[in-house]
């Protein structure tokens, strides 16, 4: 796969996320996917969700705790099998009604056209909304 192919694959994942098509996203993962949200433990979907069977819990925690009002992807940078995505998110925490926003960086790695690694990093604004 070329870097451009990998960018298109990640663009498809973002489109699926935007439409709530989590089964499509799960279908794009390797069985041994590394899936880690490097976030403050106060964020419900933080931590290691590695292994394809564990990734649905990530999406359940995310979807069960926030209503996302915006999640623009501002830039995608690719080299070989790595795609770096940069963007912002705005959301409301369901349990408190408190709004929040954060900039983010997602590091995607692909193997044979499938996602084999995902690392999520957000600025402190994400965790502050859960405090």
Protein backbone atom coordinates (compact mmCIF):
# COMPACT_ATOMS: atom_id res chain seq x y z
CA UNK A 1 0.00 0.00 0.00
CA UNK A 2 1.24 3.50 -0.76
CA UNK A 3 1.08 6.44 1.63
CA UNK A 4 -1.80 7.82 -0.47
CA UNK A 5 -3.68 4.50 -0.15
CA UNK A 6 -3.20 4.64 3.61
CA UNK A 7 -4.50 8.22 3.76
CA UNK A 8 -7.60 7.16 1.84
CA UNK A 9 -8.11 4.26 4.27
CA UNK A 10 -7.95 6.62 7.26
CA UNK A 11 -10.25 9.13 5.54
CA UNK A 12 -12.77 6.29 5.17
CA UNK A 13 -12.46 5.52 8.89
CA UNK A 14 -13.12 9.17 9.78
CA UNK A 15 -16.14 9.20 7.46
CA UNK A 16 -17.44 6.05 9.14
CA UNK A 17 -16.93 7.59 12.58
CA UNK A 18 -18.87 10.66 11.48
CA UNK A 19 -21.80 8.53 10.36
CA UNK A 20 -21.65 6.21 13.38
CA UNK A 21 -20.59 3.19 11.32
CA UNK A 22 -18.50 1.48 13.99
CA UNK A 23 -18.82 -1.97 12.33
CA UNK A 24 -17.01 -0.56 9.28
CA UNK A 25 -14.20 0.73 11.50
CA UNK A 26 -13.88 -2.61 13.29
CA UNK A 27 -13.69 -4.36 9.93
CA UNK A 28 -10.63 -2.25 9.07
CA UNK A 29 -8.61 -3.57 12.05
CA UNK A 30 -6.12 -6.40 12.29
CA UNK A 31 -6.93 -9.03 14.93
CA UNK A 32 -3.85 -8.00 16.95
CA UNK A 33 -4.44 -4.23 16.67
CA UNK A 34 -2.63 -2.01 19.21
CA UNK A 35 -5.33 0.50 20.33
CA UNK A 36 -4.39 2.95 23.09
CA UNK A 37 -5.94 6.25 24.18
CA UNK A 38 -3.17 8.06 26.06
CA UNK A 39 -5.56 10.12 28.17
CA UNK A 40 -6.14 11.06 31.77
CA UNK A 41 -7.87 8.16 33.58
CA UNK A 42 -10.90 10.43 34.19
CA UNK A 43 -11.75 10.07 30.48
CA UNK A 44 -13.97 6.98 30.18
CA UNK A 45 -12.32 5.62 27.01
CA UNK A 46 -8.73 6.12 28.18
CA UNK A 47 -6.31 3.25 28.32
CA UNK A 48 -5.33 0.19 26.36
CA UNK A 49 -8.04 -1.47 24.26
CA UNK A 50 -5.66 -3.57 22.18
CA UNK A 51 -6.93 -6.62 20.33
CA UNK A 52 -9.80 -6.32 17.86
CA UNK A 53 -12.22 -7.89 20.37
CA UNK A 54 -11.48 -5.10 22.89
CA UNK A 55 -11.89 -2.08 20.60
CA UNK A 56 -15.72 -2.04 20.78
CA UNK A 57 -15.42 -1.16 24.50
CA UNK A 58 -13.48 1.98 23.47
CA UNK A 59 -16.35 3.09 21.21
CA UNK A 60 -18.99 2.14 23.79
CA UNK A 61 -17.24 4.23 26.46
CA UNK A 62 -16.82 7.15 24.08
CA UNK A 63 -20.38 7.04 22.76
CA UNK A 64 -21.84 6.47 26.22
CA UNK A 65 -20.12 9.43 27.81
CA UNK A 66 -20.09 12.30 25.32
CA UNK A 67 -22.12 13.85 22.54
CA UNK A 68 -19.67 15.03 19.90
CA UNK A 69 -20.73 18.23 18.16
CA UNK A 70 -17.63 18.65 16.01
CA UNK A 71 -14.63 16.52 15.11
CA UNK A 72 -12.84 18.17 12.17
CA UNK A 73 -9.72 16.58 10.78
CA UNK A 74 -7.42 19.51 10.09
CA UNK A 75 -4.49 17.66 8.56
CA UNK A 76 -3.35 14.19 7.54
CA UNK A 77 0.37 13.53 7.15
CA UNK A 78 1.56 10.19 5.80
CA UNK A 79 4.85 8.41 5.46
CA UNK A 80 4.92 4.79 4.38
CA UNK A 81 2.48 2.88 6.62
CA UNK A 82 2.00 5.66 9.18
CA UNK A 83 -0.70 8.33 9.00
CA UNK A 84 -0.74 11.20 11.51
CA UNK A 85 -4.08 12.94 11.89
CA UNK A 86 -4.45 16.32 13.58
CA UNK A 87 -7.74 17.91 14.51
CA UNK A 88 -10.09 19.27 17.12
CA UNK A 89 -13.13 18.00 18.96
CA UNK A 90 -16.01 19.73 20.71
CA UNK A 91 -18.40 17.77 22.85
CA UNK A 92 -20.78 17.69 25.80
CA UNK A 93 -20.25 15.29 28.71
CA UNK A 94 -23.55 13.45 29.13
CA UNK A 95 -23.32 12.92 32.90
CA UNK A 96 -22.70 16.58 33.70
CA UNK A 97 -23.95 18.53 30.70
CA UNK A 98 -20.57 20.28 30.68
CA UNK A 99 -19.17 21.25 27.30
CA UNK A 100 -15.57 20.81 26.33
CA UNK A 101 -13.11 21.03 23.49
CA UNK A 102 -9.68 19.68 22.74
CA UNK A 103 -7.08 19.47 20.02
CA UNK A 104 -5.95 15.95 19.20
CA UNK A 105 -3.31 13.89 17.43
CA UNK A 106 -4.01 10.32 16.30
CA UNK A 107 -1.19 8.09 15.08
CA UNK A 108 -2.40 5.34 12.75
CA UNK A 109 -0.25 2.50 11.44
CA UNK A 110 -1.39 0.16 8.73
CA UNK A 111 -0.28 -3.29 7.63
CA UNK A 112 -1.47 -4.69 4.31
CA UNK A 113 -4.26 -2.10 4.19
CA UNK A 114 -5.58 -2.82 7.69
CA UNK A 115 -5.10 -0.71 10.82
CA UNK A 116 -2.64 -2.43 13.12
CA UNK A 117 -2.03 0.45 15.53
CA UNK A 118 -3.86 3.52 16.86
CA UNK A 119 -2.58 5.94 19.49
CA UNK A 120 -4.75 8.87 20.63
CA UNK A 121 -3.40 12.01 22.28
CA UNK A 122 -5.50 15.01 23.37
CA UNK A 123 -4.66 18.28 25.08
CA UNK A 124 -5.80 18.73 28.72
CA UNK A 125 -9.11 20.31 27.64
CA UNK A 126 -10.55 16.84 27.16
CA UNK A 127 -9.93 15.64 30.70
CA UNK A 128 -10.92 19.00 32.21
CA UNK A 129 -14.46 18.53 30.94
CA UNK A 130 -14.74 15.38 33.08
CA UNK A 131 -13.49 17.08 36.27
